[in-house]
Amino acid sequence: KYKEVIEKSNKLLNQNYNLPIIYNLLGTANFLLKDFQIAIKYYLKGINLEPNNEEIIRNLGKCFLSLKNYKEARKYFNKSLNIQKENPDSLFNLGLIEILTEEPLQGIDFLKQALNIKSDFTECIYNLGLCYKKLGDYQTAKYYYLKAINTNPNHLKSYNNLGVCYLIQGDYQNAILALNSCLQKNPNYSFALNNLGSVFIAQKKFDEALSCFTKAHSLNKNLLN
């Protein structure tokens, strides 16, 4: 109920409750509504009241990351680390920036630092898999996807990418197992359907492939453009 949060927070401000936590709430509610510029405005007001509020600084970094302003995002995540060194969330987001800017080796370094602090950080483990996949190290990528599934058995992206690694390696049987495991949890996961279609093409099972692609495209029109 983000709009309700905004309404009640503004009422508190109008009653002269000029507190950093209120600006953080306003920033976060607008962030979740994808009003990133408005969120930034509120986060900056909160930081103006409390310059070393690590949470607000980190949230501001996430806004700039969502806007693909990686320079500003790095600045605020590093600032949050200066305040709180053992900070897996900021390290994770710095790793994401490296992945998004096609620097997977640097991404691995940040993600492993985050994982050393929080060993069951599923998204961190999954993104380590992405880094190794980008580097063409499919065995290590599979290791991390399986580890992510172990920490969260419902992590669909890990099953899907595990299937892709098996497909690339020509291990069609395990690719089908991984992708079907994903689809058992969500039969409408279009990416897994699309990749399963690719496995069937590799096996020259064209009717099965067509069925997968047709359903995938009906769910996500951007997949096969």
C-alpha atoms as a PDB file:
ATOM      1  CA  LYS A   1       0.000   0.000   0.000  1.00  0.00           C
ATOM      2  CA  TYR A   2       2.662   2.438  -1.154  1.00  0.00           C
ATOM      3  CA  LYS A   3       0.320   5.345  -1.861  1.00  0.00           C
ATOM      4  CA  GLU A   4      -1.069   5.057   1.652  1.00  0.00           C
ATOM      5  CA  VAL A   5       2.485   5.186   3.018  1.00  0.00           C
ATOM      6  CA  ILE A   6       3.097   8.369   1.019  1.00  0.00           C
ATOM      7  CA  GLU A   7      -0.143   9.960   2.222  1.00  0.00           C
ATOM      8  CA  LYS A   8       0.480   9.207   5.893  1.00  0.00           C
ATOM      9  CA  SER A   9       4.140  10.236   5.716  1.00  0.00           C
ATOM     10  CA  ASN A  10       3.202  13.584   4.174  1.00  0.00           C
ATOM     11  CA  LYS A  11       0.673  14.134   6.968  1.00  0.00           C
ATOM     12  CA  LEU A  12       3.469  13.618   9.497  1.00  0.00           C
ATOM     13  CA  LEU A  13       5.675  16.127   7.668  1.00  0.00           C
ATOM     14  CA  ASN A  14       2.808  18.622   7.684  1.00  0.00           C
ATOM     15  CA  GLN A  15       2.641  18.148  11.449  1.00  0.00           C
ATOM     16  CA  ASN A  16       6.347  19.131  11.662  1.00  0.00           C
ATOM     17  CA  TYR A  17       7.690  15.604  12.199  1.00  0.00           C
ATOM     18  CA  ASN A  18      10.776  16.415  10.158  1.00  0.00           C
ATOM     19  CA  LEU A  19      12.561  13.086  10.684  1.00  0.00           C
ATOM     20  CA  PRO A  20      14.967  11.119   8.431  1.00  0.00           C
ATOM     21  CA  ILE A  21      12.882   7.943   8.768  1.00  0.00           C
ATOM     22  CA  ILE A  22       9.877   9.692   7.201  1.00  0.00           C
ATOM     23  CA  TYR A  23      11.916  10.768   4.185  1.00  0.00           C
ATOM     24  CA  ASN A  24      13.246   7.209   3.943  1.00  0.00           C
ATOM     25  CA  LEU A  25       9.670   5.881   3.909  1.00  0.00           C
ATOM     26  CA  LEU A  26       8.674   8.397   1.239  1.00  0.00           C
ATOM     27  CA  GLY A  27      11.744   7.547  -0.806  1.00  0.00           C
ATOM     28  CA  THR A  28      11.178   3.820  -0.562  1.00  0.00           C
ATOM     29  CA  ALA A  29       7.453   4.007  -1.378  1.00  0.00           C
ATOM     30  CA  ASN A  30       8.184   6.092  -4.480  1.00  0.00           C
ATOM     31  CA  PHE A  31      11.064   3.785  -5.405  1.00  0.00           C
ATOM     32  CA  LEU A  32       8.732   0.791  -5.300  1.00  0.00           C
ATOM     33  CA  LEU A  33       6.285   2.736  -7.470  1.00  0.00           C
ATOM     34  CA  LYS A  34       9.223   3.291  -9.870  1.00  0.00           C
ATOM     35  CA  ASP A  35       9.101   7.075  -9.348  1.00  0.00           C
ATOM     36  CA  PHE A  36      12.865   7.139  -9.023  1.00  0.00           C
ATOM     37  CA  GLN A  37      13.443  10.891  -9.366  1.00  0.00           C
ATOM     38  CA  ILE A  38      10.897  11.629  -6.631  1.00  0.00           C
ATOM     39  CA  ALA A  39      12.472   8.925  -4.461  1.00  0.00           C
ATOM     40  CA  ILE A  40      15.891  10.535  -4.911  1.00  0.00           C
ATOM     41  CA  LYS A  41      14.494  13.881  -3.799  1.00  0.00           C
ATOM     42  CA  TYR A  42      13.202  12.407  -0.549  1.00  0.00           C
ATOM     43  CA  TYR A  43      16.312  10.350   0.146  1.00  0.00           C
ATOM     44  CA  LEU A  44      18.476  13.458  -0.276  1.00  0.00           C
ATOM     45  CA  LYS A  45      16.290  15.312   2.218  1.00  0.00           C
ATOM     46  CA  GLY A  46      16.763  12.460   4.680  1.00  0.00           C
ATOM     47  CA  ILE A  47      20.534  12.487   4.194  1.00  0.00           C
ATOM     48  CA  ASN A  48      20.556  16.258   4.663  1.00  0.00           C
ATOM     49  CA  LEU A  49      19.078  15.685   8.147  1.00  0.00           C
ATOM     50  CA  GLU A  50      21.299  12.686   8.946  1.00  0.00           C
ATOM     51  CA  PRO A  51      24.400  12.600   6.698  1.00  0.00           C
ATOM     52  CA  ASN A  52      25.608   9.212   7.967  1.00  0.00           C
ATOM     53  CA  ASN A  53      22.319   7.331   7.710  1.00  0.00           C
ATOM     54  CA  GLU A  54      23.688   4.231   5.970  1.00  0.00           C
ATOM     55  CA  GLU A  55      20.307   2.807   4.994  1.00  0.00           C
ATOM     56  CA  ILE A  56      19.159   5.962   3.223  1.00  0.00           C
ATOM     57  CA  ILE A  57      22.517   6.293   1.474  1.00  0.00           C
ATOM     58  CA  ARG A  58      22.276   2.676   0.264  1.00  0.00           C
ATOM     59  CA  ASN A  59      18.686   3.210  -0.886  1.00  0.00           C
ATOM     60  CA  LEU A  60      19.809   6.246  -2.838  1.00  0.00           C
ATOM     61  CA  GLY A  61      22.409   4.064  -4.556  1.00  0.00           C
ATOM     62  CA  LYS A  62      19.634   1.647  -5.570  1.00  0.00           C
ATOM     63  CA  CYS A  63      17.699   4.512  -7.159  1.00  0.00           C
ATOM     64  CA  PHE A  64      20.656   5.533  -9.289  1.00  0.00           C
ATOM     65  CA  LEU A  65      21.256   1.873 -10.177  1.00  0.00           C
ATOM     66  CA  SER A  66      17.641   1.589 -11.374  1.00  0.00           C
ATOM     67  CA  LEU A  67      18.209   4.706 -13.499  1.00  0.00           C
ATOM     68  CA  LYS A  68      21.416   3.113 -14.910  1.00  0.00           C
ATOM     69  CA  ASN A  69      23.438   5.985 -13.500  1.00  0.00           C
ATOM     70  CA  TYR A  70      26.227   3.670 -12.447  1.00  0.00           C
ATOM     71  CA  LYS A  71      28.673   6.406 -11.481  1.00  0.00           C
ATOM     72  CA  GLU A  72      26.322   7.889  -8.866  1.00  0.00           C
ATOM     73  CA  ALA A  73      25.199   4.436  -7.739  1.00  0.00           C
ATOM     74  CA  ARG A  74      28.819   3.401  -7.095  1.00  0.00           C
ATOM     75  CA  LYS A  75      29.410   6.593  -5.152  1.00  0.00           C
ATOM     76  CA  TYR A  76      26.581   5.957  -2.712  1.00  0.00           C
ATOM     77  CA  PHE A  77      27.223   2.231  -2.294  1.00  0.00           C
ATOM     78  CA  ASN A  78      30.870   2.982  -1.511  1.00  0.00           C
ATOM     79  CA  LYS A  79      29.768   5.671   0.920  1.00  0.00           C
ATOM     80  CA  SER A  80      27.515   3.169   2.678  1.00  0.00           C
ATOM     81  CA  LEU A  81      30.476   0.774   2.948  1.00  0.00           C
ATOM     82  CA  ASN A  82      32.561   3.508   4.535  1.00  0.00           C
ATOM     83  CA  ILE A  83      29.905   3.755   7.232  1.00  0.00           C
ATOM     84  CA  GLN A  84      29.231   0.010   7.568  1.00  0.00           C
ATOM     85  CA  LYS A  85      32.060  -2.153   6.248  1.00  0.00           C
ATOM     86  CA  GLU A  86      30.278  -5.501   6.716  1.00  0.00           C
ATOM     87  CA  ASN A  87      27.489  -4.655   4.303  1.00  0.00           C
ATOM     88  CA  PRO A  88      26.474  -7.517   1.975  1.00  0.00           C
ATOM     89  CA  ASP A  89      23.722  -5.508   0.279  1.00  0.00           C
ATOM     90  CA  SER A  90      26.030  -2.716  -0.901  1.00  0.00           C
ATOM     91  CA  LEU A  91      28.701  -5.206  -1.968  1.00  0.00           C
ATOM     92  CA  PHE A  92      26.052  -7.150  -3.889  1.00  0.00           C
ATOM     93  CA  ASN A  93      24.866  -4.015  -5.673  1.00  0.00           C
ATOM     94  CA  LEU A  94      28.428  -3.041  -6.569  1.00  0.00           C
ATOM     95  CA  GLY A  95      28.750  -6.528  -8.040  1.00  0.00           C
ATOM     96  CA  LEU A  96      25.557  -5.990 -10.041  1.00  0.00           C
ATOM     97  CA  ILE A  97      26.974  -2.784 -11.497  1.00  0.00           C
ATOM     98  CA  GLU A  98      30.055  -4.667 -12.690  1.00  0.00           C
ATOM     99  CA  ILE A  99      27.852  -7.328 -14.304  1.00  0.00           C
ATOM    100  CA  LEU A 100      25.721  -4.676 -16.010  1.00  0.00           C
ATOM    101  CA  THR A 101      28.823  -2.885 -17.299  1.00  0.00           C
ATOM    102  CA  GLU A 102      30.233  -6.163 -18.674  1.00  0.00           C
ATOM    103  CA  GLU A 103      32.950  -6.567 -16.045  1.00  0.00           C
ATOM    104  CA  PRO A 104      32.149 -10.034 -14.639  1.00  0.00           C
ATOM    105  CA  LEU A 105      35.573 -10.565 -13.042  1.00  0.00           C
ATOM    106  CA  GLN A 106      35.168  -7.457 -10.886  1.00  0.00           C
ATOM    107  CA  GLY A 107      31.577  -8.542 -10.239  1.00  0.00           C
ATOM    108  CA  ILE A 108      32.799 -11.873  -8.875  1.00  0.00           C
ATOM    109  CA  ASP A 109      35.075 -10.098  -6.399  1.00  0.00           C
ATOM    110  CA  PHE A 110      32.273  -7.973  -4.927  1.00  0.00           C
ATOM    111  CA  LEU A 111      29.768 -10.840  -4.882  1.00  0.00           C
ATOM    112  CA  LYS A 112      32.170 -13.171  -3.098  1.00  0.00           C
ATOM    113  CA  GLN A 113      32.824 -10.490  -0.495  1.00  0.00           C
ATOM    114  CA  ALA A 114      29.064 -10.220   0.070  1.00  0.00           C
ATOM    115  CA  LEU A 115      28.731 -14.006   0.258  1.00  0.00           C
ATOM    116  CA  ASN A 116      31.479 -14.209   2.882  1.00  0.00           C
ATOM    117  CA  ILE A 117      29.291 -12.024   5.092  1.00  0.00           C
ATOM    118  CA  LYS A 118      25.932 -13.641   4.249  1.00  0.00           C
ATOM    119  CA  SER A 119      26.400 -17.215   3.068  1.00  0.00           C
ATOM    120  CA  ASP A 120      22.723 -17.842   2.187  1.00  0.00           C
ATOM    121  CA  PHE A 121      22.311 -14.716   0.018  1.00  0.00           C
ATOM    122  CA  THR A 122      20.442 -16.374  -2.871  1.00  0.00           C
ATOM    123  CA  GLU A 123      20.515 -13.466  -5.340  1.00  0.00           C
ATOM    124  CA  CYS A 124      24.238 -13.072  -4.733  1.00  0.00           C
ATOM    125  CA  ILE A 125      24.853 -16.773  -5.381  1.00  0.00           C
ATOM    126  CA  TYR A 126      22.696 -16.652  -8.508  1.00  0.00           C
ATOM    127  CA  ASN A 127      24.561 -13.633  -9.874  1.00  0.00           C
ATOM    128  CA  LEU A 128      27.882 -15.397  -9.312  1.00  0.00           C
ATOM    129  CA  GLY A 129      26.463 -18.024 -11.642  1.00  0.00           C
ATOM    130  CA  LEU A 130      25.685 -15.291 -14.171  1.00  0.00           C
ATOM    131  CA  CYS A 131      29.262 -13.978 -13.959  1.00  0.00           C
ATOM    132  CA  TYR A 132      30.800 -17.372 -14.624  1.00  0.00           C
ATOM    133  CA  LYS A 133      28.300 -18.008 -17.419  1.00  0.00           C
ATOM    134  CA  LYS A 134      29.373 -14.723 -19.045  1.00  0.00           C
ATOM    135  CA  LEU A 135      32.991 -15.895 -18.743  1.00  0.00           C
ATOM    136  CA  GLY A 136      32.125 -19.211 -20.424  1.00  0.00           C
ATOM    137  CA  ASP A 137      32.890 -21.245 -17.290  1.00  0.00           C
ATOM    138  CA  TYR A 138      29.693 -23.269 -17.374  1.00  0.00           C
ATOM    139  CA  GLN A 139      30.764 -25.836 -14.786  1.00  0.00           C
ATOM    140  CA  THR A 140      31.293 -23.166 -12.138  1.00  0.00           C
ATOM    141  CA  ALA A 141      28.129 -21.373 -13.240  1.00  0.00           C
ATOM    142  CA  LYS A 142      26.169 -24.599 -12.702  1.00  0.00           C
ATOM    143  CA  TYR A 143      27.717 -24.987  -9.257  1.00  0.00           C
ATOM    144  CA  TYR A 144      26.377 -21.583  -8.215  1.00  0.00           C
ATOM    145  CA  TYR A 145      22.944 -22.094  -9.778  1.00  0.00           C
ATOM    146  CA  LEU A 146      22.602 -25.374  -7.880  1.00  0.00           C
ATOM    147  CA  LYS A 147      23.774 -23.643  -4.715  1.00  0.00           C
ATOM    148  CA  ALA A 148      21.178 -20.893  -5.217  1.00  0.00           C
ATOM    149  CA  ILE A 149      18.482 -23.545  -5.646  1.00  0.00           C
ATOM    150  CA  ASN A 150      19.692 -25.173  -2.433  1.00  0.00           C
ATOM    151  CA  THR A 151      19.208 -21.914  -0.521  1.00  0.00           C
ATOM    152  CA  ASN A 152      15.888 -21.188  -2.255  1.00  0.00           C
ATOM    153  CA  PRO A 153      14.178 -24.156  -3.969  1.00  0.00           C
ATOM    154  CA  ASN A 154      11.740 -21.770  -5.682  1.00  0.00           C
ATOM    155  CA  HIS A 155      14.377 -19.622  -7.394  1.00  0.00           C
ATOM    156  CA  LEU A 156      13.113 -19.952 -10.964  1.00  0.00           C
ATOM    157  CA  LYS A 157      15.924 -17.977 -12.590  1.00  0.00           C
ATOM    158  CA  SER A 158      18.487 -20.457 -11.263  1.00  0.00           C
ATOM    159  CA  TYR A 159      16.654 -23.478 -12.702  1.00  0.00           C
ATOM    160  CA  ASN A 160      16.284 -21.658 -16.018  1.00  0.00           C
ATOM    161  CA  ASN A 161      19.934 -20.655 -16.286  1.00  0.00           C
ATOM    162  CA  LEU A 162      21.069 -24.074 -15.102  1.00  0.00           C
ATOM    163  CA  GLY A 163      19.086 -25.499 -18.015  1.00  0.00           C
ATOM    164  CA  VAL A 164      20.758 -23.055 -20.409  1.00  0.00           C
ATOM    165  CA  CYS A 165      24.226 -24.133 -19.234  1.00  0.00           C
ATOM    166  CA  TYR A 166      23.356 -27.783 -19.810  1.00  0.00           C
ATOM    167  CA  LEU A 167      21.981 -26.880 -23.246  1.00  0.00           C
ATOM    168  CA  ILE A 168      25.184 -25.048 -24.205  1.00  0.00           C
ATOM    169  CA  GLN A 169      27.210 -28.081 -23.093  1.00  0.00           C
ATOM    170  CA  GLY A 170      25.036 -30.412 -25.162  1.00  0.00           C
ATOM    171  CA  ASP A 171      23.672 -32.217 -22.101  1.00  0.00           C
ATOM    172  CA  TYR A 172      20.085 -32.189 -23.274  1.00  0.00           C
ATOM    173  CA  GLN A 173      18.768 -34.672 -20.717  1.00  0.00           C
ATOM    174  CA  ASN A 174      19.847 -32.545 -17.750  1.00  0.00           C
ATOM    175  CA  ALA A 175      18.764 -29.372 -19.555  1.00  0.00           C
ATOM    176  CA  ILE A 176      15.241 -30.798 -19.849  1.00  0.00           C
ATOM    177  CA  LEU A 177      15.278 -31.868 -16.180  1.00  0.00           C
ATOM    178  CA  ALA A 178      16.313 -28.403 -15.006  1.00  0.00           C
ATOM    179  CA  LEU A 179      13.829 -26.564 -17.217  1.00  0.00           C
ATOM    180  CA  ASN A 180      10.984 -28.926 -16.329  1.00  0.00           C
ATOM    181  CA  SER A 181      11.791 -28.422 -12.632  1.00  0.00           C
ATOM    182  CA  CYS A 182      11.331 -24.711 -13.250  1.00  0.00           C
ATOM    183  CA  LEU A 183       8.067 -25.245 -15.120  1.00  0.00           C
ATOM    184  CA  GLN A 184       6.706 -27.549 -12.418  1.00  0.00           C
ATOM    185  CA  LYS A 185       6.942 -24.588 -10.059  1.00  0.00           C
ATOM    186  CA  ASN A 186       5.575 -22.109 -12.610  1.00  0.00           C
ATOM    187  CA  PRO A 187       4.104 -23.579 -15.822  1.00  0.00           C
ATOM    188  CA  ASN A 188       3.882 -20.073 -17.297  1.00  0.00           C
ATOM    189  CA  TYR A 189       7.550 -19.136 -16.886  1.00  0.00           C
ATOM    190  CA  SER A 190       8.092 -18.006 -20.462  1.00  0.00           C
ATOM    191  CA  PHE A 191      11.900 -17.997 -20.397  1.00  0.00           C
ATOM    192  CA  ALA A 192      12.060 -21.664 -19.383  1.00  0.00           C
ATOM    193  CA  LEU A 193       9.495 -22.572 -22.064  1.00  0.00           C
ATOM    194  CA  ASN A 194      11.547 -20.722 -24.657  1.00  0.00           C
ATOM    195  CA  ASN A 195      14.752 -22.475 -23.601  1.00  0.00           C
ATOM    196  CA  LEU A 196      13.030 -25.853 -23.505  1.00  0.00           C
ATOM    197  CA  GLY A 197      11.991 -25.190 -27.099  1.00  0.00           C
ATOM    198  CA  SER A 198      15.656 -24.627 -27.956  1.00  0.00           C
ATOM    199  CA  VAL A 199      16.566 -27.978 -26.378  1.00  0.00           C
ATOM    200  CA  PHE A 200      13.922 -29.726 -28.486  1.00  0.00           C
ATOM    201  CA  ILE A 201      15.243 -28.034 -31.632  1.00  0.00           C
ATOM    202  CA  ALA A 202      18.734 -29.317 -30.794  1.00  0.00           C
ATOM    203  CA  GLN A 203      17.193 -32.795 -30.479  1.00  0.00           C
ATOM    204  CA  LYS A 204      15.295 -32.279 -33.761  1.00  0.00           C
ATOM    205  CA  LYS A 205      11.982 -32.675 -31.932  1.00  0.00           C
ATOM    206  CA  PHE A 206      10.323 -29.913 -33.880  1.00  0.00           C
ATOM    207  CA  ASP A 207       6.700 -30.510 -32.841  1.00  0.00           C
ATOM    208  CA  GLU A 208       7.641 -30.303 -29.154  1.00  0.00           C
ATOM    209  CA  ALA A 209       9.760 -27.209 -29.857  1.00  0.00           C
ATOM    210  CA  LEU A 210       6.880 -25.512 -31.691  1.00  0.00           C
ATOM    211  CA  SER A 211       4.540 -26.215 -28.789  1.00  0.00           C
ATOM    212  CA  CYS A 212       6.999 -24.637 -26.312  1.00  0.00           C
ATOM    213  CA  PHE A 213       7.667 -21.580 -28.474  1.00  0.00           C
ATOM    214  CA  THR A 214       3.974 -21.027 -29.136  1.00  0.00           C
ATOM    215  CA  LYS A 215       3.126 -21.039 -25.435  1.00  0.00           C
ATOM    216  CA  ALA A 216       6.189 -18.930 -24.539  1.00  0.00           C
ATOM    217  CA  HIS A 217       5.266 -16.334 -27.157  1.00  0.00           C
ATOM    218  CA  SER A 218       1.649 -16.221 -25.976  1.00  0.00           C
ATOM    219  CA  LEU A 219       2.948 -15.368 -22.488  1.00  0.00           C
ATOM    220  CA  ASN A 220       5.722 -12.974 -23.498  1.00  0.00           C
ATOM    221  CA  LYS A 221       5.497 -11.339 -26.923  1.00  0.00           C
ATOM    222  CA  ASN A 222       9.038  -9.963 -26.657  1.00  0.00           C
ATOM    223  CA  LEU A 223      10.747 -13.341 -26.450  1.00  0.00           C
ATOM    224  CA  LEU A 224      10.824 -14.289 -30.112  1.00  0.00           C
ATOM    225  CA  ASN A 225      10.975 -10.849 -31.786  1.00  0.00           C
END
